[in-house]
PDB file of N, CA and C in Angstrom:
ATOM      1  N   MET A   1     -51.562 -12.693  26.786  1.00  0.00           N
ATOM      2  CA  MET A   1     -51.810 -13.934  26.076  1.00  0.00           C
ATOM      3  C   MET A   1     -53.078 -14.613  26.594  1.00  0.00           C
ATOM      4  N   ASP A   2     -53.279 -14.586  27.911  1.00  0.00           N
ATOM      5  CA  ASP A   2     -54.468 -15.220  28.480  1.00  0.00           C
ATOM      6  C   ASP A   2     -55.744 -14.514  28.040  1.00  0.00           C
ATOM      7  N   ASP A   3     -55.681 -13.188  27.942  1.00  0.00           N
ATOM      8  CA  ASP A   3     -56.856 -12.445  27.493  1.00  0.00           C
ATOM      9  C   ASP A   3     -57.209 -12.793  26.054  1.00  0.00           C
ATOM     10  N   PHE A   4     -56.190 -12.946  25.216  1.00  0.00           N
ATOM     11  CA  PHE A   4     -56.429 -13.318  23.822  1.00  0.00           C
ATOM     12  C   PHE A   4     -57.078 -14.689  23.722  1.00  0.00           C
ATOM     13  N   LEU A   5     -56.552 -15.640  24.490  1.00  0.00           N
ATOM     14  CA  LEU A   5     -57.091 -16.998  24.453  1.00  0.00           C
ATOM     15  C   LEU A   5     -58.521 -17.037  24.989  1.00  0.00           C
ATOM     16  N   ASN A   6     -58.777 -16.313  26.070  1.00  0.00           N
ATOM     17  CA  ASN A   6     -60.133 -16.267  26.622  1.00  0.00           C
ATOM     18  C   ASN A   6     -61.114 -15.648  25.634  1.00  0.00           C
ATOM     19  N   LYS A   7     -60.688 -14.581  24.990  1.00  0.00           N
ATOM     20  CA  LYS A   7     -61.560 -13.913  24.015  1.00  0.00           C
ATOM     21  C   LYS A   7     -61.812 -14.823  22.807  1.00  0.00           C
ATOM     22  N   PHE A   8     -60.768 -15.523  22.352  1.00  0.00           N
ATOM     23  CA  PHE A   8     -60.908 -16.429  21.219  1.00  0.00           C
ATOM     24  C   PHE A   8     -61.882 -17.566  21.543  1.00  0.00           C
ATOM     25  N   LEU A   9     -61.726 -18.181  22.714  1.00  0.00           N
ATOM     26  CA  LEU A   9     -62.617 -19.278  23.095  1.00  0.00           C
ATOM     27  C   LEU A   9     -64.046 -18.792  23.295  1.00  0.00           C
ATOM     28  N   ASP A  10     -64.211 -17.598  23.823  1.00  0.00           N
ATOM     29  CA  ASP A  10     -65.544 -17.037  24.011  1.00  0.00           C
ATOM     30  C   ASP A  10     -66.225 -16.788  22.662  1.00  0.00           C
ATOM     31  N   GLN A  11     -65.493 -16.197  21.721  1.00  0.00           N
ATOM     32  CA  GLN A  11     -66.057 -15.939  20.391  1.00  0.00           C
ATOM     33  C   GLN A  11     -66.361 -17.242  19.656  1.00  0.00           C
ATOM     34  N   THR A  12     -65.491 -18.223  19.787  1.00  0.00           N
ATOM     35  CA  THR A  12     -65.701 -19.511  19.132  1.00  0.00           C
ATOM     36  C   THR A  12     -66.932 -20.220  19.690  1.00  0.00           C
ATOM     37  N   SER A  13     -67.090 -20.195  21.002  1.00  0.00           N
ATOM     38  CA  SER A  13     -68.251 -20.859  21.589  1.00  0.00           C
ATOM     39  C   SER A  13     -69.551 -20.154  21.194  1.00  0.00           C
ATOM     40  N   HIS A  14     -69.539 -18.824  21.106  1.00  0.00           N
ATOM     41  CA  HIS A  14     -70.734 -18.104  20.656  1.00  0.00           C
ATOM     42  C   HIS A  14     -71.049 -18.422  19.191  1.00  0.00           C
ATOM     43  N   PHE A  15     -70.008 -18.546  18.361  1.00  0.00           N
ATOM     44  CA  PHE A  15     -70.214 -18.864  16.949  1.00  0.00           C
ATOM     45  C   PHE A  15     -70.850 -20.241  16.788  1.00  0.00           C
ATOM     46  N   PHE A  16     -70.312 -21.248  17.487  1.00  0.00           N
ATOM     47  CA  PHE A  16     -70.846 -22.597  17.357  1.00  0.00           C
ATOM     48  C   PHE A  16     -72.175 -22.751  18.087  1.00  0.00           C
ATOM     49  N   ASN A  17     -72.476 -21.857  19.029  1.00  0.00           N
ATOM     50  CA  ASN A  17     -73.772 -21.884  19.682  1.00  0.00           C
ATOM     51  C   ASN A  17     -74.880 -21.499  18.702  1.00  0.00           C
ATOM     52  N   ARG A  18     -74.576 -20.566  17.800  1.00  0.00           N
ATOM     53  CA  ARG A  18     -75.554 -20.149  16.799  1.00  0.00           C
ATOM     54  C   ARG A  18     -75.681 -21.155  15.666  1.00  0.00           C
ATOM     55  N   LYS A  19     -74.645 -21.939  15.407  1.00  0.00           N
ATOM     56  CA  LYS A  19     -74.637 -22.922  14.318  1.00  0.00           C
ATOM     57  C   LYS A  19     -74.205 -24.286  14.863  1.00  0.00           C
ATOM     58  N   PRO A  20     -75.067 -24.978  15.602  1.00  0.00           N
ATOM     59  CA  PRO A  20     -74.639 -26.212  16.272  1.00  0.00           C
ATOM     60  C   PRO A  20     -74.324 -27.375  15.326  1.00  0.00           C
ATOM     61  N   GLY A  21     -74.871 -27.379  14.141  1.00  0.00           N
ATOM     62  CA  GLY A  21     -74.634 -28.493  13.229  1.00  0.00           C
ATOM     63  C   GLY A  21     -73.504 -28.270  12.246  1.00  0.00           C
ATOM     64  N   LEU A  22     -72.750 -27.198  12.414  1.00  0.00           N
ATOM     65  CA  LEU A  22     -71.710 -26.865  11.440  1.00  0.00           C
ATOM     66  C   LEU A  22     -70.552 -27.854  11.470  1.00  0.00           C
ATOM     67  N   LEU A  23     -70.075 -28.223  12.648  1.00  0.00           N
ATOM     68  CA  LEU A  23     -68.944 -29.158  12.722  1.00  0.00           C
ATOM     69  C   LEU A  23     -69.280 -30.538  12.155  1.00  0.00           C
ATOM     70  N   PRO A  24     -70.439 -31.123  12.476  1.00  0.00           N
ATOM     71  CA  PRO A  24     -70.765 -32.401  11.822  1.00  0.00           C
ATOM     72  C   PRO A  24     -70.916 -32.269  10.303  1.00  0.00           C
ATOM     73  N   LEU A  25     -71.417 -31.124   9.834  1.00  0.00           N
ATOM     74  CA  LEU A  25     -71.537 -30.918   8.393  1.00  0.00           C
ATOM     75  C   LEU A  25     -70.160 -30.839   7.735  1.00  0.00           C
ATOM     76  N   ILE A  26     -69.225 -30.132   8.363  1.00  0.00           N
ATOM     77  CA  ILE A  26     -67.854 -30.076   7.855  1.00  0.00           C
ATOM     78  C   ILE A  26     -67.240 -31.468   7.845  1.00  0.00           C
ATOM     79  N   ALA A  27     -67.523 -32.256   8.883  1.00  0.00           N
ATOM     80  CA  ALA A  27     -66.994 -33.622   8.956  1.00  0.00           C
ATOM     81  C   ALA A  27     -67.515 -34.481   7.806  1.00  0.00           C
ATOM     82  N   ILE A  28     -68.797 -34.367   7.524  1.00  0.00           N
ATOM     83  CA  ILE A  28     -69.376 -35.134   6.416  1.00  0.00           C
ATOM     84  C   ILE A  28     -68.740 -34.731   5.094  1.00  0.00           C
ATOM     85  N   LEU A  29     -68.532 -33.431   4.903  1.00  0.00           N
ATOM     86  CA  LEU A  29     -67.891 -32.966   3.670  1.00  0.00           C
ATOM     87  C   LEU A  29     -66.458 -33.472   3.539  1.00  0.00           C
ATOM     88  N   LEU A  30     -65.708 -33.522   4.650  1.00  0.00           N
ATOM     89  CA  LEU A  30     -64.340 -34.042   4.598  1.00  0.00           C
ATOM     90  C   LEU A  30     -64.329 -35.536   4.271  1.00  0.00           C
ATOM     91  N   ILE A  31     -65.277 -36.284   4.804  1.00  0.00           N
ATOM     92  CA  ILE A  31     -65.340 -37.719   4.514  1.00  0.00           C
ATOM     93  C   ILE A  31     -65.701 -37.955   3.055  1.00  0.00           C
ATOM     94  N   ILE A  32     -66.624 -37.170   2.521  1.00  0.00           N
ATOM     95  CA  ILE A  32     -66.971 -37.281   1.095  1.00  0.00           C
ATOM     96  C   ILE A  32     -65.790 -36.876   0.227  1.00  0.00           C
ATOM     97  N   LEU A  33     -65.065 -35.825   0.639  1.00  0.00           N
ATOM     98  CA  LEU A  33     -63.879 -35.397  -0.114  1.00  0.00           C
ATOM     99  C   LEU A  33     -62.815 -36.487  -0.116  1.00  0.00           C
ATOM    100  N   ASN A  34     -62.658 -37.213   0.985  1.00  0.00           N
ATOM    101  CA  ASN A  34     -61.717 -38.327   1.032  1.00  0.00           C
ATOM    102  C   ASN A  34     -62.110 -39.408   0.023  1.00  0.00           C
ATOM    103  N   PHE A  35     -63.416 -39.685  -0.071  1.00  0.00           N
ATOM    104  CA  PHE A  35     -63.903 -40.666  -1.029  1.00  0.00           C
ATOM    105  C   PHE A  35     -63.599 -40.225  -2.466  1.00  0.00           C
ATOM    106  N   VAL A  36     -63.818 -38.951  -2.757  1.00  0.00           N
ATOM    107  CA  VAL A  36     -63.552 -38.413  -4.098  1.00  0.00           C
ATOM    108  C   VAL A  36     -62.062 -38.476  -4.418  1.00  0.00           C
ATOM    109  N   VAL A  37     -61.227 -38.170  -3.432  1.00  0.00           N
ATOM    110  CA  VAL A  37     -59.772 -38.255  -3.643  1.00  0.00           C
ATOM    111  C   VAL A  37     -59.379 -39.685  -3.978  1.00  0.00           C
ATOM    112  N   HIS A  38     -59.958 -40.662  -3.292  1.00  0.00           N
ATOM    113  CA  HIS A  38     -59.637 -42.057  -3.587  1.00  0.00           C
ATOM    114  C   HIS A  38     -60.088 -42.451  -4.991  1.00  0.00           C
ATOM    115  N   ILE A  39     -61.232 -41.967  -5.428  1.00  0.00           N
ATOM    116  CA  ILE A  39     -61.694 -42.274  -6.785  1.00  0.00           C
ATOM    117  C   ILE A  39     -60.759 -41.655  -7.819  1.00  0.00           C
ATOM    118  N   ILE A  40     -60.389 -40.414  -7.623  1.00  0.00           N
ATOM    119  CA  ILE A  40     -59.507 -39.734  -8.583  1.00  0.00           C
ATOM    120  C   ILE A  40     -58.145 -40.412  -8.632  1.00  0.00           C
ATOM    121  N   VAL A  41     -57.593 -40.747  -7.472  1.00  0.00           N
ATOM    122  CA  VAL A  41     -56.293 -41.421  -7.432  1.00  0.00           C
ATOM    123  C   VAL A  41     -56.387 -42.796  -8.082  1.00  0.00           C
ATOM    124  N   GLY A  42     -57.500 -43.487  -7.870  1.00  0.00           N
ATOM    125  CA  GLY A  42     -57.679 -44.802  -8.492  1.00  0.00           C
ATOM    126  C   GLY A  42     -57.755 -44.718 -10.009  1.00  0.00           C
ATOM    127  N   LEU A  43     -58.412 -43.682 -10.524  1.00  0.00           N
ATOM    128  CA  LEU A  43     -58.498 -43.514 -11.972  1.00  0.00           C
ATOM    129  C   LEU A  43     -57.164 -43.106 -12.579  1.00  0.00           C
ATOM    130  N   MET A  44     -56.385 -42.327 -11.849  1.00  0.00           N
ATOM    131  CA  MET A  44     -55.085 -41.879 -12.359  1.00  0.00           C
ATOM    132  C   MET A  44     -54.032 -42.967 -12.235  1.00  0.00           C
ATOM    133  N   GLY A  45     -54.202 -43.863 -11.287  1.00  0.00           N
ATOM    134  CA  GLY A  45     -53.237 -44.938 -11.103  1.00  0.00           C
ATOM    135  C   GLY A  45     -51.990 -44.511 -10.371  1.00  0.00           C
ATOM    136  N   VAL A  46     -52.055 -43.373  -9.672  1.00  0.00           N
ATOM    137  CA  VAL A  46     -50.897 -42.865  -8.938  1.00  0.00           C
ATOM    138  C   VAL A  46     -51.238 -42.880  -7.457  1.00  0.00           C
ATOM    139  N   GLU A  47     -50.342 -43.414  -6.648  1.00  0.00           N
ATOM    140  CA  GLU A  47     -50.557 -43.456  -5.206  1.00  0.00           C
ATOM    141  C   GLU A  47     -49.983 -42.196  -4.574  1.00  0.00           C
ATOM    142  N   THR A  48     -50.822 -41.470  -3.838  1.00  0.00           N
ATOM    143  CA  THR A  48     -50.373 -40.246  -3.176  1.00  0.00           C
ATOM    144  C   THR A  48     -50.446 -40.421  -1.670  1.00  0.00           C
ATOM    145  N   TRP A  49     -49.718 -39.560  -0.957  1.00  0.00           N
ATOM    146  CA  TRP A  49     -49.708 -39.631   0.494  1.00  0.00           C
ATOM    147  C   TRP A  49     -51.085 -39.314   1.073  1.00  0.00           C
ATOM    148  N   LEU A  50     -51.773 -38.351   0.476  1.00  0.00           N
ATOM    149  CA  LEU A  50     -53.087 -37.949   0.974  1.00  0.00           C
ATOM    150  C   LEU A  50     -54.082 -39.099   0.880  1.00  0.00           C
ATOM    151  N   ALA A  51     -54.018 -39.860  -0.199  1.00  0.00           N
ATOM    152  CA  ALA A  51     -54.943 -40.974  -0.372  1.00  0.00           C
ATOM    153  C   ALA A  51     -54.552 -42.170   0.489  1.00  0.00           C
ATOM    154  N   SER A  52     -53.282 -42.440   0.601  1.00  0.00           N
ATOM    155  CA  SER A  52     -52.866 -43.624   1.356  1.00  0.00           C
ATOM    156  C   SER A  52     -52.978 -43.429   2.865  1.00  0.00           C
ATOM    157  N   SER A  53     -52.903 -42.190   3.329  1.00  0.00           N
ATOM    158  CA  SER A  53     -52.986 -41.952   4.773  1.00  0.00           C
ATOM    159  C   SER A  53     -54.423 -41.778   5.253  1.00  0.00           C
ATOM    160  N   ASN A  54     -55.361 -41.545   4.333  1.00  0.00           N
ATOM    161  CA  ASN A  54     -56.759 -41.281   4.707  1.00  0.00           C
ATOM    162  C   ASN A  54     -56.866 -40.122   5.689  1.00  0.00           C
ATOM    163  N   LEU A  55     -56.056 -39.107   5.474  1.00  0.00           N
ATOM    164  CA  LEU A  55     -56.023 -37.953   6.371  1.00  0.00           C
ATOM    165  C   LEU A  55     -57.378 -37.266   6.465  1.00  0.00           C
ATOM    166  N   LEU A  56     -58.036 -37.063   5.343  1.00  0.00           N
ATOM    167  CA  LEU A  56     -59.321 -36.371   5.355  1.00  0.00           C
ATOM    168  C   LEU A  56     -60.388 -37.192   6.073  1.00  0.00           C
ATOM    169  N   LEU A  57     -60.335 -38.489   5.940  1.00  0.00           N
ATOM    170  CA  LEU A  57     -61.282 -39.364   6.632  1.00  0.00           C
ATOM    171  C   LEU A  57     -61.110 -39.262   8.137  1.00  0.00           C
ATOM    172  N   HIS A  58     -59.878 -39.385   8.600  1.00  0.00           N
ATOM    173  CA  HIS A  58     -59.624 -39.332  10.032  1.00  0.00           C
ATOM    174  C   HIS A  58     -59.920 -37.943  10.607  1.00  0.00           C
ATOM    175  N   LEU A  59     -59.560 -36.910   9.883  1.00  0.00           N
ATOM    176  CA  LEU A  59     -59.859 -35.553  10.325  1.00  0.00           C
ATOM    177  C   LEU A  59     -61.363 -35.325  10.393  1.00  0.00           C
ATOM    178  N   GLY A  60     -62.083 -35.835   9.410  1.00  0.00           N
ATOM    179  CA  GLY A  60     -63.530 -35.725   9.407  1.00  0.00           C
ATOM    180  C   GLY A  60     -64.177 -36.450  10.568  1.00  0.00           C
ATOM    181  N   LEU A  61     -63.673 -37.630  10.884  1.00  0.00           N
ATOM    182  CA  LEU A  61     -64.229 -38.380  12.010  1.00  0.00           C
ATOM    183  C   LEU A  61     -64.002 -37.663  13.333  1.00  0.00           C
ATOM    184  N   VAL A  62     -62.807 -37.134  13.529  1.00  0.00           N
ATOM    185  CA  VAL A  62     -62.505 -36.434  14.782  1.00  0.00           C
ATOM    186  C   VAL A  62     -63.349 -35.167  14.901  1.00  0.00           C
ATOM    187  N   ILE A  63     -63.435 -34.389  13.834  1.00  0.00           N
ATOM    188  CA  ILE A  63     -64.222 -33.159  13.860  1.00  0.00           C
ATOM    189  C   ILE A  63     -65.699 -33.481  14.079  1.00  0.00           C
ATOM    190  N   GLY A  64     -66.184 -34.537  13.466  1.00  0.00           N
ATOM    191  CA  GLY A  64     -67.579 -34.922  13.639  1.00  0.00           C
ATOM    192  C   GLY A  64     -67.898 -35.346  15.063  1.00  0.00           C
ATOM    193  N   LEU A  65     -67.024 -36.148  15.654  1.00  0.00           N
ATOM    194  CA  LEU A  65     -67.256 -36.575  17.037  1.00  0.00           C
ATOM    195  C   LEU A  65     -67.199 -35.396  18.000  1.00  0.00           C
ATOM    196  N   VAL A  66     -66.225 -34.528  17.815  1.00  0.00           N
ATOM    197  CA  VAL A  66     -66.140 -33.336  18.670  1.00  0.00           C
ATOM    198  C   VAL A  66     -67.367 -32.447  18.471  1.00  0.00           C
ATOM    199  N   GLY A  67     -67.805 -32.304  17.247  1.00  0.00           N
ATOM    200  CA  GLY A  67     -68.980 -31.490  16.967  1.00  0.00           C
ATOM    201  C   GLY A  67     -70.237 -32.042  17.603  1.00  0.00           C
ATOM    202  N   ILE A  68     -70.394 -33.361  17.560  1.00  0.00           N
ATOM    203  CA  ILE A  68     -71.567 -33.977  18.179  1.00  0.00           C
ATOM    204  C   ILE A  68     -71.510 -33.848  19.693  1.00  0.00           C
ATOM    205  N   LEU A  69     -70.320 -34.001  20.259  1.00  0.00           N
ATOM    206  CA  LEU A  69     -70.183 -33.866  21.711  1.00  0.00           C
ATOM    207  C   LEU A  69     -70.389 -32.436  22.193  1.00  0.00           C
ATOM    208  N   LEU A  70     -70.116 -31.453  21.335  1.00  0.00           N
ATOM    209  CA  LEU A  70     -70.256 -30.045  21.733  1.00  0.00           C
ATOM    210  C   LEU A  70     -71.650 -29.482  21.504  1.00  0.00           C
ATOM    211  N   ILE A  71     -72.522 -30.203  20.839  1.00  0.00           N
ATOM    212  CA  ILE A  71     -73.853 -29.661  20.555  1.00  0.00           C
ATOM    213  C   ILE A  71     -74.617 -29.386  21.844  1.00  0.00           C
ATOM    214  N   ARG A  72     -74.641 -30.323  22.770  1.00  0.00           N
ATOM    215  CA  ARG A  72     -75.408 -30.139  24.009  1.00  0.00           C
ATOM    216  C   ARG A  72     -74.810 -29.066  24.928  1.00  0.00           C
ATOM    217  N   PRO A  73     -73.511 -29.090  25.223  1.00  0.00           N
ATOM    218  CA  PRO A  73     -72.978 -28.094  26.163  1.00  0.00           C
ATOM    219  C   PRO A  73     -73.094 -26.657  25.660  1.00  0.00           C
ATOM    220  N   LEU A  74     -73.112 -26.445  24.377  1.00  0.00           N
ATOM    221  CA  LEU A  74     -73.166 -25.084  23.848  1.00  0.00           C
ATOM    222  C   LEU A  74     -74.583 -24.544  23.777  1.00  0.00           C
ATOM    223  N   GLU A  75     -75.601 -25.365  23.984  1.00  0.00           N
ATOM    224  CA  GLU A  75     -76.984 -24.894  23.921  1.00  0.00           C
ATOM    225  C   GLU A  75     -77.337 -24.046  25.114  1.00  0.00           C
TER     226      GLU A  75
END
């Protein structure tokens, strides 16, 4: 199990080392998707759990902050 986890973390760090701006870009897309979900729900007039919880917004913020913090150490 430890070998699998070490290999996974090693491959992940190499992947994000080659693409340092990918996590902030994913975060921006999730925040925009949250905005679109709110517009669609507002036009339909139906309240959904996804729109009321702002899950995509919060997930986007966390991924964006982690992505920005990881840019320097992975260089």
